[in-house]
Amino acid sequence: MEIKDQVIELRKSTGMNRKEFCEYFGIPYRTVTEWERGTRTMPDYVLRLMAYQIKMEKINRKE
């Protein structure tokens, strides 16, 4: 699975839309949009840190 797909899956697992996800992590909307489109590559460690924070704060709202 490509990183862009993992970013989308992680965001959707929280139940947040892109704007809420960006505000939660303090990441510019354009950056997340580019990550999800695959026009910009998210560093692996950032994805792991975001997944860890979501897990620790128990914000998974996947239906």
PDB file of N, CA and C in Angstrom:
ATOM      1  N   MET A   1       0.851  -1.181   0.000  1.00  0.00           N
ATOM      2  CA  MET A   1       0.000   0.000   0.000  1.00  0.00           C
ATOM      3  C   MET A   1       0.892   1.238   0.000  1.00  0.00           C
ATOM      4  N   GLU A   2       0.573   2.177  -0.847  1.00  0.00           N
ATOM      5  CA  GLU A   2       1.344   3.416  -0.927  1.00  0.00           C
ATOM      6  C   GLU A   2       1.064   4.302   0.277  1.00  0.00           C
ATOM      7  N   ILE A   3       2.003   5.192   0.557  1.00  0.00           N
ATOM      8  CA  ILE A   3       1.850   6.089   1.709  1.00  0.00           C
ATOM      9  C   ILE A   3       0.599   6.951   1.558  1.00  0.00           C
ATOM     10  N   LYS A   4       0.320   7.427   0.339  1.00  0.00           N
ATOM     11  CA  LYS A   4      -0.865   8.272   0.161  1.00  0.00           C
ATOM     12  C   LYS A   4      -2.135   7.527   0.571  1.00  0.00           C
ATOM     13  N   ASP A   5      -2.194   6.239   0.272  1.00  0.00           N
ATOM     14  CA  ASP A   5      -3.358   5.437   0.657  1.00  0.00           C
ATOM     15  C   ASP A   5      -3.409   5.228   2.168  1.00  0.00           C
ATOM     16  N   GLN A   6      -2.248   5.105   2.776  1.00  0.00           N
ATOM     17  CA  GLN A   6      -2.186   4.949   4.224  1.00  0.00           C
ATOM     18  C   GLN A   6      -2.638   6.216   4.940  1.00  0.00           C
ATOM     19  N   VAL A   7      -2.291   7.381   4.376  1.00  0.00           N
ATOM     20  CA  VAL A   7      -2.717   8.657   4.962  1.00  0.00           C
ATOM     21  C   VAL A   7      -4.236   8.758   4.907  1.00  0.00           C
ATOM     22  N   ILE A   8      -4.810   8.439   3.779  1.00  0.00           N
ATOM     23  CA  ILE A   8      -6.263   8.490   3.615  1.00  0.00           C
ATOM     24  C   ILE A   8      -6.934   7.527   4.585  1.00  0.00           C
ATOM     25  N   GLU A   9      -6.406   6.313   4.679  1.00  0.00           N
ATOM     26  CA  GLU A   9      -6.978   5.314   5.579  1.00  0.00           C
ATOM     27  C   GLU A   9      -6.890   5.763   7.039  1.00  0.00           C
ATOM     28  N   LEU A  10      -5.759   6.342   7.412  1.00  0.00           N
ATOM     29  CA  LEU A  10      -5.581   6.825   8.783  1.00  0.00           C
ATOM     30  C   LEU A  10      -6.594   7.925   9.094  1.00  0.00           C
ATOM     31  N   ARG A  11      -6.737   8.869   8.173  1.00  0.00           N
ATOM     32  CA  ARG A  11      -7.687   9.965   8.393  1.00  0.00           C
ATOM     33  C   ARG A  11      -9.115   9.442   8.499  1.00  0.00           C
ATOM     34  N   LYS A  12      -9.480   8.544   7.602  1.00  0.00           N
ATOM     35  CA  LYS A  12     -10.838   8.005   7.621  1.00  0.00           C
ATOM     36  C   LYS A  12     -11.104   7.188   8.883  1.00  0.00           C
ATOM     37  N   SER A  13     -10.062   6.556   9.425  1.00  0.00           N
ATOM     38  CA  SER A  13     -10.239   5.755  10.641  1.00  0.00           C
ATOM     39  C   SER A  13     -10.611   6.620  11.843  1.00  0.00           C
ATOM     40  N   THR A  14     -10.290   7.912  11.763  1.00  0.00           N
ATOM     41  CA  THR A  14     -10.615   8.822  12.862  1.00  0.00           C
ATOM     42  C   THR A  14     -12.035   9.356  12.758  1.00  0.00           C
ATOM     43  N   GLY A  15     -12.623   9.246  11.569  1.00  0.00           N
ATOM     44  CA  GLY A  15     -13.950   9.807  11.354  1.00  0.00           C
ATOM     45  C   GLY A  15     -13.913  11.301  11.070  1.00  0.00           C
ATOM     46  N   MET A  16     -12.707  11.846  10.929  1.00  0.00           N
ATOM     47  CA  MET A  16     -12.558  13.279  10.665  1.00  0.00           C
ATOM     48  C   MET A  16     -12.532  13.532   9.164  1.00  0.00           C
ATOM     49  N   ASN A  17     -13.017  14.721   8.797  1.00  0.00           N
ATOM     50  CA  ASN A  17     -12.822  15.127   7.415  1.00  0.00           C
ATOM     51  C   ASN A  17     -11.418  15.735   7.319  1.00  0.00           C
ATOM     52  N   ARG A  18     -11.010  16.105   6.130  1.00  0.00           N
ATOM     53  CA  ARG A  18      -9.639  16.593   5.944  1.00  0.00           C
ATOM     54  C   ARG A  18      -9.369  17.848   6.771  1.00  0.00           C
ATOM     55  N   LYS A  19     -10.327  18.755   6.823  1.00  0.00           N
ATOM     56  CA  LYS A  19     -10.129  20.004   7.566  1.00  0.00           C
ATOM     57  C   LYS A  19      -9.946  19.727   9.066  1.00  0.00           C
ATOM     58  N   GLU A  20     -10.784  18.879   9.624  1.00  0.00           N
ATOM     59  CA  GLU A  20     -10.679  18.542  11.048  1.00  0.00           C
ATOM     60  C   GLU A  20      -9.350  17.847  11.343  1.00  0.00           C
ATOM     61  N   PHE A  21      -8.945  16.949  10.449  1.00  0.00           N
ATOM     62  CA  PHE A  21      -7.692  16.219  10.601  1.00  0.00           C
ATOM     63  C   PHE A  21      -6.514  17.189  10.615  1.00  0.00           C
ATOM     64  N   CYS A  22      -6.529  18.145   9.715  1.00  0.00           N
ATOM     65  CA  CYS A  22      -5.459  19.144   9.635  1.00  0.00           C
ATOM     66  C   CYS A  22      -5.409  19.991  10.900  1.00  0.00           C
ATOM     67  N   GLU A  23      -6.564  20.417  11.367  1.00  0.00           N
ATOM     68  CA  GLU A  23      -6.611  21.233  12.579  1.00  0.00           C
ATOM     69  C   GLU A  23      -6.144  20.442  13.794  1.00  0.00           C
ATOM     70  N   TYR A  24      -6.510  19.182  13.878  1.00  0.00           N
ATOM     71  CA  TYR A  24      -6.127  18.342  15.002  1.00  0.00           C
ATOM     72  C   TYR A  24      -4.603  18.214  15.095  1.00  0.00           C
ATOM     73  N   PHE A  25      -3.963  17.977  13.952  1.00  0.00           N
ATOM     74  CA  PHE A  25      -2.517  17.780  13.943  1.00  0.00           C
ATOM     75  C   PHE A  25      -1.728  19.070  13.707  1.00  0.00           C
ATOM     76  N   GLY A  26      -2.405  20.164  13.367  1.00  0.00           N
ATOM     77  CA  GLY A  26      -1.702  21.423  13.120  1.00  0.00           C
ATOM     78  C   GLY A  26      -0.891  21.392  11.834  1.00  0.00           C
ATOM     79  N   ILE A  27      -1.420  20.694  10.848  1.00  0.00           N
ATOM     80  CA  ILE A  27      -0.748  20.571   9.552  1.00  0.00           C
ATOM     81  C   ILE A  27      -1.555  21.362   8.533  1.00  0.00           C
ATOM     82  N   PRO A  28      -0.891  22.137   7.676  1.00  0.00           N
ATOM     83  CA  PRO A  28      -1.626  22.898   6.664  1.00  0.00           C
ATOM     84  C   PRO A  28      -2.488  21.993   5.774  1.00  0.00           C
ATOM     85  N   TYR A  29      -3.671  22.480   5.451  1.00  0.00           N
ATOM     86  CA  TYR A  29      -4.629  21.740   4.618  1.00  0.00           C
ATOM     87  C   TYR A  29      -3.998  21.330   3.293  1.00  0.00           C
ATOM     88  N   ARG A  30      -3.264  22.253   2.694  1.00  0.00           N
ATOM     89  CA  ARG A  30      -2.651  21.971   1.396  1.00  0.00           C
ATOM     90  C   ARG A  30      -1.652  20.812   1.485  1.00  0.00           C
ATOM     91  N   THR A  31      -0.919  20.741   2.582  1.00  0.00           N
ATOM     92  CA  THR A  31       0.057  19.663   2.760  1.00  0.00           C
ATOM     93  C   THR A  31      -0.632  18.308   2.798  1.00  0.00           C
ATOM     94  N   VAL A  32      -1.684  18.191   3.601  1.00  0.00           N
ATOM     95  CA  VAL A  32      -2.406  16.918   3.697  1.00  0.00           C
ATOM     96  C   VAL A  32      -3.049  16.569   2.360  1.00  0.00           C
ATOM     97  N   THR A  33      -3.589  17.559   1.685  1.00  0.00           N
ATOM     98  CA  THR A  33      -4.187  17.330   0.371  1.00  0.00           C
ATOM     99  C   THR A  33      -3.146  16.769  -0.596  1.00  0.00           C
ATOM    100  N   GLU A  34      -1.962  17.342  -0.595  1.00  0.00           N
ATOM    101  CA  GLU A  34      -0.899  16.873  -1.484  1.00  0.00           C
ATOM    102  C   GLU A  34      -0.431  15.468  -1.097  1.00  0.00           C
ATOM    103  N   TRP A  35      -0.397  15.173   0.196  1.00  0.00           N
ATOM    104  CA  TRP A  35      -0.049  13.822   0.644  1.00  0.00           C
ATOM    105  C   TRP A  35      -1.063  12.818   0.120  1.00  0.00           C
ATOM    106  N   GLU A  36      -2.350  13.176   0.245  1.00  0.00           N
ATOM    107  CA  GLU A  36      -3.403  12.251  -0.176  1.00  0.00           C
ATOM    108  C   GLU A  36      -3.466  12.096  -1.693  1.00  0.00           C
ATOM    109  N   ARG A  37      -3.102  13.107  -2.417  1.00  0.00           N
ATOM    110  CA  ARG A  37      -3.092  13.021  -3.884  1.00  0.00           C
ATOM    111  C   ARG A  37      -1.843  12.335  -4.410  1.00  0.00           C
ATOM    112  N   GLY A  38      -0.819  12.258  -3.590  1.00  0.00           N
ATOM    113  CA  GLY A  38       0.429  11.646  -4.009  1.00  0.00           C
ATOM    114  C   GLY A  38       1.365  12.592  -4.724  1.00  0.00           C
ATOM    115  N   THR A  39       1.067  13.902  -4.696  1.00  0.00           N
ATOM    116  CA  THR A  39       1.946  14.874  -5.336  1.00  0.00           C
ATOM    117  C   THR A  39       3.073  15.294  -4.402  1.00  0.00           C
ATOM    118  N   ARG A  40       2.976  14.896  -3.161  1.00  0.00           N
ATOM    119  CA  ARG A  40       3.996  15.169  -2.153  1.00  0.00           C
ATOM    120  C   ARG A  40       4.063  13.931  -1.258  1.00  0.00           C
ATOM    121  N   THR A  41       5.259  13.545  -0.875  1.00  0.00           N
ATOM    122  CA  THR A  41       5.409  12.325  -0.083  1.00  0.00           C
ATOM    123  C   THR A  41       5.577  12.643   1.391  1.00  0.00           C
ATOM    124  N   MET A  42       4.736  12.022   2.181  1.00  0.00           N
ATOM    125  CA  MET A  42       4.816  12.169   3.632  1.00  0.00           C
ATOM    126  C   MET A  42       5.955  11.283   4.135  1.00  0.00           C
ATOM    127  N   PRO A  43       6.806  11.818   5.018  1.00  0.00           N
ATOM    128  CA  PRO A  43       7.847  10.964   5.598  1.00  0.00           C
ATOM    129  C   PRO A  43       7.218   9.826   6.405  1.00  0.00           C
ATOM    130  N   ASP A  44       7.819   8.647   6.332  1.00  0.00           N
ATOM    131  CA  ASP A  44       7.300   7.476   7.040  1.00  0.00           C
ATOM    132  C   ASP A  44       7.139   7.722   8.534  1.00  0.00           C
ATOM    133  N   TYR A  45       8.123   8.403   9.123  1.00  0.00           N
ATOM    134  CA  TYR A  45       8.068   8.609  10.569  1.00  0.00           C
ATOM    135  C   TYR A  45       6.895   9.490  10.980  1.00  0.00           C
ATOM    136  N   VAL A  46       6.491  10.413  10.123  1.00  0.00           N
ATOM    137  CA  VAL A  46       5.348  11.284  10.439  1.00  0.00           C
ATOM    138  C   VAL A  46       4.070  10.442  10.475  1.00  0.00           C
ATOM    139  N   LEU A  47       3.930   9.548   9.525  1.00  0.00           N
ATOM    140  CA  LEU A  47       2.765   8.662   9.496  1.00  0.00           C
ATOM    141  C   LEU A  47       2.715   7.806  10.766  1.00  0.00           C
ATOM    142  N   ARG A  48       3.857   7.265  11.154  1.00  0.00           N
ATOM    143  CA  ARG A  48       3.903   6.445  12.373  1.00  0.00           C
ATOM    144  C   ARG A  48       3.563   7.265  13.612  1.00  0.00           C
ATOM    145  N   LEU A  49       4.073   8.484  13.702  1.00  0.00           N
ATOM    146  CA  LEU A  49       3.778   9.334  14.851  1.00  0.00           C
ATOM    147  C   LEU A  49       2.296   9.707  14.917  1.00  0.00           C
ATOM    148  N   MET A  50       1.711   9.997  13.765  1.00  0.00           N
ATOM    149  CA  MET A  50       0.293  10.336  13.733  1.00  0.00           C
ATOM    150  C   MET A  50      -0.554   9.138  14.154  1.00  0.00           C
ATOM    151  N   ALA A  51      -0.214   7.958  13.645  1.00  0.00           N
ATOM    152  CA  ALA A  51      -0.951   6.741  14.009  1.00  0.00           C
ATOM    153  C   ALA A  51      -0.819   6.469  15.502  1.00  0.00           C
ATOM    154  N   TYR A  52       0.360   6.696  16.043  1.00  0.00           N
ATOM    155  CA  TYR A  52       0.591   6.482  17.472  1.00  0.00           C
ATOM    156  C   TYR A  52      -0.245   7.444  18.308  1.00  0.00           C
ATOM    157  N   GLN A  53      -0.273   8.712  17.915  1.00  0.00           N
ATOM    158  CA  GLN A  53      -1.058   9.695  18.663  1.00  0.00           C
ATOM    159  C   GLN A  53      -2.544   9.349  18.628  1.00  0.00           C
ATOM    160  N   ILE A  54      -3.034   8.950  17.482  1.00  0.00           N
ATOM    161  CA  ILE A  54      -4.445   8.569  17.357  1.00  0.00           C
ATOM    162  C   ILE A  54      -4.746   7.379  18.262  1.00  0.00           C
ATOM    163  N   LYS A  55      -3.834   6.407  18.281  1.00  0.00           N
ATOM    164  CA  LYS A  55      -4.031   5.226  19.124  1.00  0.00           C
ATOM    165  C   LYS A  55      -4.012   5.601  20.605  1.00  0.00           C
ATOM    166  N   MET A  56      -3.056   6.430  21.010  1.00  0.00           N
ATOM    167  CA  MET A  56      -2.917   6.792  22.418  1.00  0.00           C
ATOM    168  C   MET A  56      -4.084   7.648  22.914  1.00  0.00           C
ATOM    169  N   GLU A  57      -4.599   8.479  22.054  1.00  0.00           N
ATOM    170  CA  GLU A  57      -5.713   9.347  22.439  1.00  0.00           C
ATOM    171  C   GLU A  57      -7.060   8.693  22.162  1.00  0.00           C
ATOM    172  N   LYS A  58      -7.009   7.479  21.624  1.00  0.00           N
ATOM    173  CA  LYS A  58      -8.216   6.684  21.372  1.00  0.00           C
ATOM    174  C   LYS A  58      -9.280   7.463  20.603  1.00  0.00           C
ATOM    175  N   ILE A  59      -8.855   8.044  19.481  1.00  0.00           N
ATOM    176  CA  ILE A  59      -9.818   8.803  18.683  1.00  0.00           C
ATOM    177  C   ILE A  59     -10.272   8.040  17.444  1.00  0.00           C
ATOM    178  N   ASN A  60      -9.989   6.743  17.390  1.00  0.00           N
ATOM    179  CA  ASN A  60     -10.484   5.946  16.275  1.00  0.00           C
ATOM    180  C   ASN A  60     -11.996   5.863  16.348  1.00  0.00           C
ATOM    181  N   ARG A  61     -12.645   6.382  15.341  1.00  0.00           N
ATOM    182  CA  ARG A  61     -14.104   6.375  15.291  1.00  0.00           C
ATOM    183  C   ARG A  61     -14.586   5.624  14.068  1.00  0.00           C
ATOM    184  N   LYS A  62     -13.813   4.636  13.682  1.00  0.00           N
ATOM    185  CA  LYS A  62     -14.166   3.879  12.488  1.00  0.00           C
ATOM    186  C   LYS A  62     -15.477   3.148  12.712  1.00  0.00           C
ATOM    187  N   GLU A  63     -16.338   3.240  11.736  1.00  0.00           N
ATOM    188  CA  GLU A  63     -17.673   2.612  11.852  1.00  0.00           C
ATOM    189  C   GLU A  63     -17.641   1.202  11.358  1.00  0.00           C
TER     190      GLU A  63
END
